[in-house]
Amino acid sequence: ACRLPQIQGHTDLFSASAQVPQISLTPANMSPDATWINLVAITLLSVVVAQLFVKLFKFIAWQLKIRKALRQFPTAPKHWLTGHLKVPSNEEGFQTRLSWMKQYSPYLLPNWLGPFHVFNQCCHPETVNTLLATAEPKSLAYRFVRPWIGDGLLTSKGSKWHRNRRLLTPAFHFEILKPYVTLFSESTNVLIDKWTRVGEASSVELFDHVSLMTLDSMLKCSLGYRSDCQNAGQESPYIRAVFELSRLVVERTRFLPYHPDFIYYLSPSGRRFRQQCKIVHDISEHIIMERRKALQDGGTNKSYEDRGSKYLDFLDILLEAKDEDGKGLTDAEIRE
């Protein structure tokens, strides 16, 4: 019999080769709980990054769509960063934009608010009529006033816009609007009386006077509310709040860092905006609740006889409006 010679150390050699090295991605001193926390953190970070990429893609697609659509509407040269924000929001700026309309586009003039946002200024009746008859989403400026005026006919879209329009259509019947002419005349006479008391050599700021006359007419026709705002000026809390809200909206529109909501509402202007909104909403809701109670107690005639009126105002019509399902408008929808 033939014997194979034994090779010294062959057992150790094969034993060593059988040991496969193991690589661990987890540090030796890390517990299983810590490992799971890391995995969850990585997953959440991945989701956030993915969402950011999706938003960035949508933003780029939206910008390309907007810029392509605006090629057919020429506009004045703009700054690459501020756009047309350097044009002041006063009489000088108004005249500047009027000259641009004559020079570039009488139907629709794009105005850039910074490098990304644009609003289109319309002055031709045909363009305005087309835009008012559509339920398309509204522009950036409407987003800024939504906390103030709500999601009504002016700012809503889709099915809500169509329902609101159906409910409001009867309010614009000729027989309904006819008594309002008297109210318009009353407000106009107050304005004329104010101007007759002004000296011949004195100047008058038309914007403030006409704005107060318009507000006076709107409050009388819509709420049956006689504020005497033309003579009292901004002494009334409601009138002060309306003027302050208008100023704050313009300020936010023209100041790019205020465009994001989370920044604006942390700022002093944002906090003041919320305060003024509350004043306006509280007064409006109080008037609506009182009128609804009057309608429930004595009907429509009782409602306007109590306030010494011989006609239905806009609020009476809204309180009695019903859709095809028999549902009326809530107090919040009426306020909007």
Protein backbone atom coordinates (compact mmCIF):
# COMPACT_ATOMS: atom_id res chain seq x y z
CA ALA A 1 0.00 0.00 0.00
CA CYS A 2 1.23 3.35 -0.86
CA ARG A 3 0.96 6.10 1.68
CA LEU A 4 0.68 9.76 0.76
CA PRO A 5 3.03 11.93 2.67
CA GLN A 6 1.37 14.36 5.06
CA ILE A 7 1.84 18.00 4.35
CA GLN A 8 2.66 19.95 7.44
CA GLY A 9 0.08 22.67 8.17
CA HIS A 10 -2.45 21.60 5.53
CA THR A 11 -5.24 21.57 8.12
CA ASP A 12 -4.56 25.15 9.16
CA LEU A 13 -4.41 26.22 5.51
CA PHE A 14 -7.87 24.90 4.64
CA SER A 15 -9.35 26.14 7.90
CA ALA A 16 -8.10 29.64 7.20
CA SER A 17 -9.45 29.61 3.66
CA ALA A 18 -12.88 28.53 4.93
CA GLN A 19 -13.23 31.67 7.03
CA VAL A 20 -14.94 34.28 4.79
CA PRO A 21 -14.50 37.85 6.01
CA GLN A 22 -17.80 39.65 6.93
CA ILE A 23 -18.29 43.35 6.20
CA SER A 24 -20.66 45.28 8.44
CA LEU A 25 -22.18 48.63 7.46
CA THR A 26 -23.12 49.29 11.04
CA PRO A 27 -20.47 50.50 13.49
CA ALA A 28 -19.66 47.95 16.12
CA ASN A 29 -20.76 50.22 18.95
CA MET A 30 -24.20 51.09 17.38
CA SER A 31 -27.32 49.46 18.79
CA PRO A 32 -30.12 47.99 16.58
CA ASP A 33 -32.44 50.84 17.63
CA ALA A 34 -29.96 53.42 16.42
CA THR A 35 -29.69 51.54 13.13
CA TRP A 36 -33.44 51.76 12.59
CA ILE A 37 -33.42 55.46 13.41
CA ASN A 38 -30.77 56.02 10.76
CA LEU A 39 -32.79 54.08 8.20
CA VAL A 40 -35.91 56.09 8.95
CA ALA A 41 -33.97 59.36 8.73
CA ILE A 42 -32.46 58.36 5.38
CA THR A 43 -35.91 57.36 4.07
CA LEU A 44 -37.48 60.65 5.15
CA LEU A 45 -34.63 62.62 3.65
CA SER A 46 -35.05 60.71 0.39
CA VAL A 47 -38.78 61.50 0.32
CA VAL A 48 -38.15 65.21 0.97
CA VAL A 49 -35.50 65.38 -1.75
CA ALA A 50 -37.84 63.59 -4.17
CA GLN A 51 -40.65 66.03 -3.43
CA LEU A 52 -38.31 68.97 -3.92
CA PHE A 53 -37.31 67.61 -7.31
CA VAL A 54 -40.96 67.15 -8.28
CA LYS A 55 -41.80 70.72 -7.22
CA LEU A 56 -38.77 72.03 -9.07
CA PHE A 57 -39.81 70.14 -12.20
CA LYS A 58 -43.37 71.52 -11.99
CA PHE A 59 -42.03 75.04 -11.40
CA ILE A 60 -39.76 74.86 -14.44
CA ALA A 61 -42.60 73.44 -16.57
CA TRP A 62 -44.91 76.23 -15.36
CA GLN A 63 -42.32 78.90 -16.13
CA LEU A 64 -41.79 77.54 -19.64
CA LYS A 65 -45.55 77.47 -20.24
CA ILE A 66 -46.03 81.03 -18.97
CA ARG A 67 -43.14 82.46 -20.98
CA LYS A 68 -44.29 80.70 -24.13
CA ALA A 69 -47.83 82.06 -23.73
CA LEU A 70 -46.56 85.61 -23.13
CA ARG A 71 -44.52 85.73 -26.32
CA GLN A 72 -47.59 86.96 -28.19
CA PHE A 73 -47.93 89.94 -25.82
CA PRO A 74 -45.01 92.38 -26.07
CA THR A 75 -44.11 94.36 -22.98
CA ALA A 76 -41.67 97.01 -21.83
CA PRO A 77 -38.05 96.02 -21.11
CA LYS A 78 -37.65 94.57 -17.62
CA HIS A 79 -34.86 94.06 -15.13
CA TRP A 80 -33.66 90.44 -14.93
CA LEU A 81 -34.22 90.31 -11.13
CA THR A 82 -36.83 92.92 -10.17
CA GLY A 83 -38.86 92.87 -13.38
CA HIS A 84 -41.06 95.98 -13.47
CA LEU A 85 -41.10 96.54 -9.70
CA LYS A 86 -39.11 99.74 -10.08
CA VAL A 87 -42.19 101.40 -11.55
CA PRO A 88 -43.78 103.21 -8.58
CA SER A 89 -47.38 102.51 -7.50
CA ASN A 90 -48.51 106.12 -7.76
CA GLU A 91 -49.73 108.54 -10.40
CA GLU A 92 -46.35 108.52 -12.14
CA GLY A 93 -46.37 104.71 -12.35
CA PHE A 94 -49.95 104.72 -13.60
CA GLN A 95 -49.07 107.09 -16.41
CA THR A 96 -46.01 104.99 -17.25
CA ARG A 97 -48.13 101.85 -17.66
CA LEU A 98 -50.68 103.74 -19.76
CA SER A 99 -47.91 104.79 -22.13
CA TRP A 100 -46.68 101.17 -22.28
CA MET A 101 -50.16 99.99 -23.25
CA LYS A 102 -50.28 102.45 -26.14
CA GLN A 103 -46.79 101.48 -27.25
CA TYR A 104 -46.76 97.71 -26.79
CA SER A 105 -50.18 96.11 -26.33
CA PRO A 106 -53.60 97.78 -25.83
CA TYR A 107 -55.30 94.48 -24.90
CA LEU A 108 -52.99 92.86 -22.37
CA LEU A 109 -49.73 94.13 -20.91
CA PRO A 110 -47.52 91.73 -18.88
CA ASN A 111 -46.02 93.23 -15.72
CA TRP A 112 -43.28 91.21 -14.03
CA LEU A 113 -43.04 91.08 -10.24
CA GLY A 114 -39.49 89.87 -9.95
CA PRO A 115 -37.94 87.15 -12.12
CA PHE A 116 -40.76 84.57 -11.90
CA HIS A 117 -44.17 86.11 -11.19
CA VAL A 118 -46.13 88.12 -13.75
CA PHE A 119 -49.58 89.68 -13.81
CA ASN A 120 -51.30 90.84 -16.96
CA GLN A 121 -52.80 94.30 -16.92
CA CYS A 122 -56.00 94.47 -18.97
CA CYS A 123 -57.64 97.67 -20.10
CA HIS A 124 -59.62 96.72 -23.22
CA PRO A 125 -63.33 95.88 -22.63
CA GLU A 126 -63.17 92.74 -24.78
CA THR A 127 -60.27 91.30 -22.78
CA VAL A 128 -61.84 92.18 -19.44
CA ASN A 129 -65.18 90.65 -20.46
CA THR A 130 -63.49 87.39 -21.48
CA LEU A 131 -61.57 87.11 -18.21
CA LEU A 132 -64.54 87.92 -15.98
CA ALA A 133 -66.64 85.22 -17.64
CA THR A 134 -64.15 82.45 -16.94
CA ALA A 135 -63.61 80.27 -13.88
CA GLU A 136 -59.90 79.82 -14.49
CA PRO A 137 -57.56 80.05 -11.47
CA LYS A 138 -56.80 83.61 -10.45
CA SER A 139 -53.43 85.29 -10.30
CA LEU A 140 -50.92 85.76 -7.49
CA ALA A 141 -52.53 88.98 -6.24
CA TYR A 142 -55.83 87.18 -5.59
CA ARG A 143 -53.99 84.71 -3.36
CA PHE A 144 -52.84 87.64 -1.24
CA VAL A 145 -56.40 89.00 -0.76
CA ARG A 146 -58.07 85.59 -0.19
CA PRO A 147 -57.67 85.74 3.64
CA TRP A 148 -59.50 89.09 3.47
CA ILE A 149 -62.30 88.53 0.92
CA GLY A 150 -62.46 84.74 1.22
CA ASP A 151 -63.10 82.19 -1.51
CA GLY A 152 -66.09 83.86 -3.13
CA LEU A 153 -67.04 84.60 -6.72
CA LEU A 154 -63.96 86.75 -7.26
CA THR A 155 -61.39 84.17 -6.15
CA SER A 156 -63.10 80.76 -6.37
CA LYS A 157 -62.94 78.34 -9.27
CA GLY A 158 -64.53 75.18 -10.59
CA SER A 159 -67.85 73.92 -9.20
CA LYS A 160 -67.88 76.41 -6.34
CA TRP A 161 -67.52 79.31 -8.77
CA HIS A 162 -70.38 77.99 -10.95
CA ARG A 163 -72.66 77.51 -7.93
CA ASN A 164 -71.93 81.00 -6.60
CA ARG A 165 -72.60 82.51 -9.99
CA ARG A 166 -75.95 80.72 -10.33
CA LEU A 167 -77.01 81.93 -6.89
CA LEU A 168 -75.92 85.51 -7.56
CA THR A 169 -77.45 85.89 -11.02
CA PRO A 170 -80.95 86.88 -9.79
CA ALA A 171 -79.40 89.69 -7.74
CA PHE A 172 -78.37 91.48 -10.94
CA HIS A 173 -81.84 91.61 -12.47
CA PHE A 174 -82.76 95.06 -13.77
CA GLU A 175 -85.70 95.43 -11.39
CA ILE A 176 -83.45 94.58 -8.44
CA LEU A 177 -80.76 97.06 -9.47
CA LYS A 178 -83.11 99.94 -10.29
CA PRO A 179 -83.53 101.19 -6.67
CA TYR A 180 -79.75 101.29 -6.30
CA VAL A 181 -79.63 104.29 -8.63
CA THR A 182 -81.11 106.41 -5.84
CA LEU A 183 -78.38 105.22 -3.48
CA PHE A 184 -75.69 106.03 -6.03
CA SER A 185 -77.15 109.52 -6.38
CA GLU A 186 -77.14 110.00 -2.59
CA SER A 187 -73.47 109.05 -2.35
CA THR A 188 -72.60 111.27 -5.31
CA ASN A 189 -74.40 114.24 -3.76
CA VAL A 190 -72.39 113.83 -0.58
CA LEU A 191 -69.20 113.92 -2.66
CA ILE A 192 -70.31 117.06 -4.53
CA ASP A 193 -71.23 118.78 -1.27
CA LYS A 194 -67.74 118.09 0.05
CA TRP A 195 -66.17 119.57 -3.05
CA THR A 196 -68.33 122.69 -2.94
CA ARG A 197 -66.87 123.45 0.48
CA VAL A 198 -63.34 123.41 -0.91
CA GLY A 199 -61.86 126.80 -1.81
CA GLU A 200 -61.35 127.73 -5.44
CA ALA A 201 -57.57 127.81 -5.18
CA SER A 202 -57.38 124.49 -3.29
CA SER A 203 -56.53 121.10 -4.77
CA VAL A 204 -58.41 117.86 -4.10
CA GLU A 205 -56.98 114.34 -3.94
CA LEU A 206 -59.56 112.59 -6.11
CA PHE A 207 -58.51 109.04 -5.31
CA ASP A 208 -59.37 109.20 -1.60
CA HIS A 209 -62.67 111.01 -2.18
CA VAL A 210 -63.84 108.72 -4.97
CA SER A 211 -62.73 105.63 -3.05
CA LEU A 212 -64.83 106.69 -0.06
CA MET A 213 -67.81 107.40 -2.31
CA THR A 214 -67.48 103.96 -3.90
CA LEU A 215 -67.21 102.27 -0.53
CA ASP A 216 -70.21 104.25 0.74
CA SER A 217 -72.30 103.06 -2.22
CA MET A 218 -71.15 99.45 -1.83
CA LEU A 219 -72.03 99.34 1.87
CA LYS A 220 -75.48 100.81 1.25
CA CYS A 221 -76.32 98.51 -1.66
CA SER A 222 -74.79 95.29 -0.39
CA LEU A 223 -75.37 95.44 3.37
CA GLY A 224 -77.85 98.27 3.87
CA TYR A 225 -75.15 99.77 6.08
CA ARG A 226 -74.99 103.57 6.27
CA SER A 227 -71.52 104.31 7.52
CA ASP A 228 -71.28 108.04 6.69
CA CYS A 229 -67.71 107.22 5.73
CA GLN A 230 -67.46 110.12 3.26
CA ASN A 231 -67.81 112.68 6.04
CA ALA A 232 -66.24 110.67 8.83
CA GLY A 233 -63.26 109.65 6.72
CA GLN A 234 -61.25 106.93 8.38
CA GLU A 235 -62.67 107.46 11.86
CA SER A 236 -64.74 104.28 11.52
CA PRO A 237 -62.79 101.09 12.45
CA TYR A 238 -64.23 99.32 9.41
CA ILE A 239 -63.12 102.04 7.00
CA ARG A 240 -59.65 102.23 8.56
CA ALA A 241 -59.30 98.47 8.28
CA VAL A 242 -60.33 98.42 4.60
CA PHE A 243 -57.81 101.12 3.68
CA GLU A 244 -55.08 99.46 5.71
CA LEU A 245 -55.75 96.05 4.12
CA SER A 246 -55.57 97.59 0.66
CA ARG A 247 -52.23 99.16 1.49
CA LEU A 248 -50.84 95.93 2.94
CA VAL A 249 -51.85 93.90 -0.12
CA VAL A 250 -50.07 96.33 -2.45
CA GLU A 251 -47.03 96.32 -0.18
CA ARG A 252 -46.86 92.53 -0.17
CA THR A 253 -47.28 92.30 -3.94
CA ARG A 254 -44.34 94.61 -4.53
CA PHE A 255 -42.01 93.12 -1.88
CA LEU A 256 -40.71 89.73 -3.06
CA PRO A 257 -39.62 88.33 0.37
CA TYR A 258 -43.25 88.72 1.54
CA HIS A 259 -44.63 86.43 -1.18
CA PRO A 260 -44.24 83.13 0.79
CA ASP A 261 -47.00 82.85 3.40
CA PHE A 262 -44.79 81.42 6.15
CA ILE A 263 -42.47 84.44 5.96
CA TYR A 264 -45.19 87.07 5.59
CA TYR A 265 -47.31 86.01 8.56
CA LEU A 266 -44.26 86.05 10.82
CA SER A 267 -43.53 89.65 9.84
CA PRO A 268 -45.07 92.77 11.46
CA SER A 269 -47.03 93.46 8.25
CA GLY A 270 -48.43 89.93 8.23
CA ARG A 271 -49.56 90.15 11.84
CA ARG A 272 -51.20 93.51 11.18
CA PHE A 273 -52.90 92.05 8.11
CA ARG A 274 -54.49 89.33 10.26
CA GLN A 275 -55.64 91.91 12.82
CA GLN A 276 -57.33 94.09 10.18
CA CYS A 277 -58.96 91.04 8.59
CA LYS A 278 -60.49 90.15 11.93
CA ILE A 279 -61.95 93.65 12.32
CA VAL A 280 -63.58 93.55 8.87
CA HIS A 281 -64.85 89.98 9.30
CA ASP A 282 -66.31 90.61 12.75
CA ILE A 283 -68.31 93.64 11.58
CA SER A 284 -69.56 91.86 8.43
CA GLU A 285 -70.56 88.72 10.32
CA HIS A 286 -72.40 90.78 12.94
CA ILE A 287 -74.46 92.50 10.23
CA ILE A 288 -75.19 89.17 8.51
CA MET A 289 -76.29 87.47 11.73
CA GLU A 290 -78.60 90.34 12.66
CA ARG A 291 -80.17 90.39 9.20
CA ARG A 292 -80.65 86.62 9.14
CA LYS A 293 -82.38 86.83 12.52
CA ALA A 294 -84.68 89.58 11.20
CA LEU A 295 -85.59 87.43 8.20
CA GLN A 296 -86.33 84.44 10.41
CA ASP A 297 -88.47 86.51 12.79
CA GLY A 298 -90.56 88.51 10.36
CA GLY A 299 -89.69 87.61 6.75
CA THR A 300 -88.22 89.74 4.00
CA ASN A 301 -90.50 92.76 4.47
CA LYS A 302 -89.69 92.91 8.16
CA SER A 303 -85.99 92.84 7.32
CA TYR A 304 -85.88 96.01 5.26
CA GLU A 305 -88.72 97.83 7.03
CA ASP A 306 -86.76 97.64 10.30
CA ARG A 307 -83.93 99.58 8.74
CA GLY A 308 -86.25 102.16 7.12
CA SER A 309 -85.73 100.90 3.57
CA LYS A 310 -88.17 100.24 0.73
CA TYR A 311 -86.05 97.84 -1.25
CA LEU A 312 -84.13 94.59 -0.95
CA ASP A 313 -80.40 95.00 -0.69
CA PHE A 314 -77.82 92.51 -1.84
CA LEU A 315 -77.61 90.86 1.57
CA ASP A 316 -81.35 90.11 1.65
CA ILE A 317 -81.09 88.40 -1.74
CA LEU A 318 -78.10 86.32 -0.69
CA LEU A 319 -79.81 85.21 2.53
CA GLU A 320 -82.83 83.97 0.56
CA ALA A 321 -80.88 82.39 -2.31
CA LYS A 322 -81.22 78.61 -2.69
CA ASP A 323 -79.58 76.20 -5.11
CA GLU A 324 -81.31 73.29 -6.90
CA ASP A 325 -80.92 71.15 -3.77
CA GLY A 326 -82.61 73.74 -1.60
CA LYS A 327 -79.39 74.66 0.18
CA GLY A 328 -78.65 78.29 0.94
CA LEU A 329 -75.43 80.14 1.60
CA THR A 330 -73.71 79.98 4.95
CA ASP A 331 -72.72 83.15 6.81
CA ALA A 332 -69.10 82.61 5.76
CA GLU A 333 -70.08 82.20 2.09
CA ILE A 334 -72.18 85.36 2.22
CA ARG A 335 -69.31 87.29 3.76
CA GLU A 336 -67.03 86.08 0.97
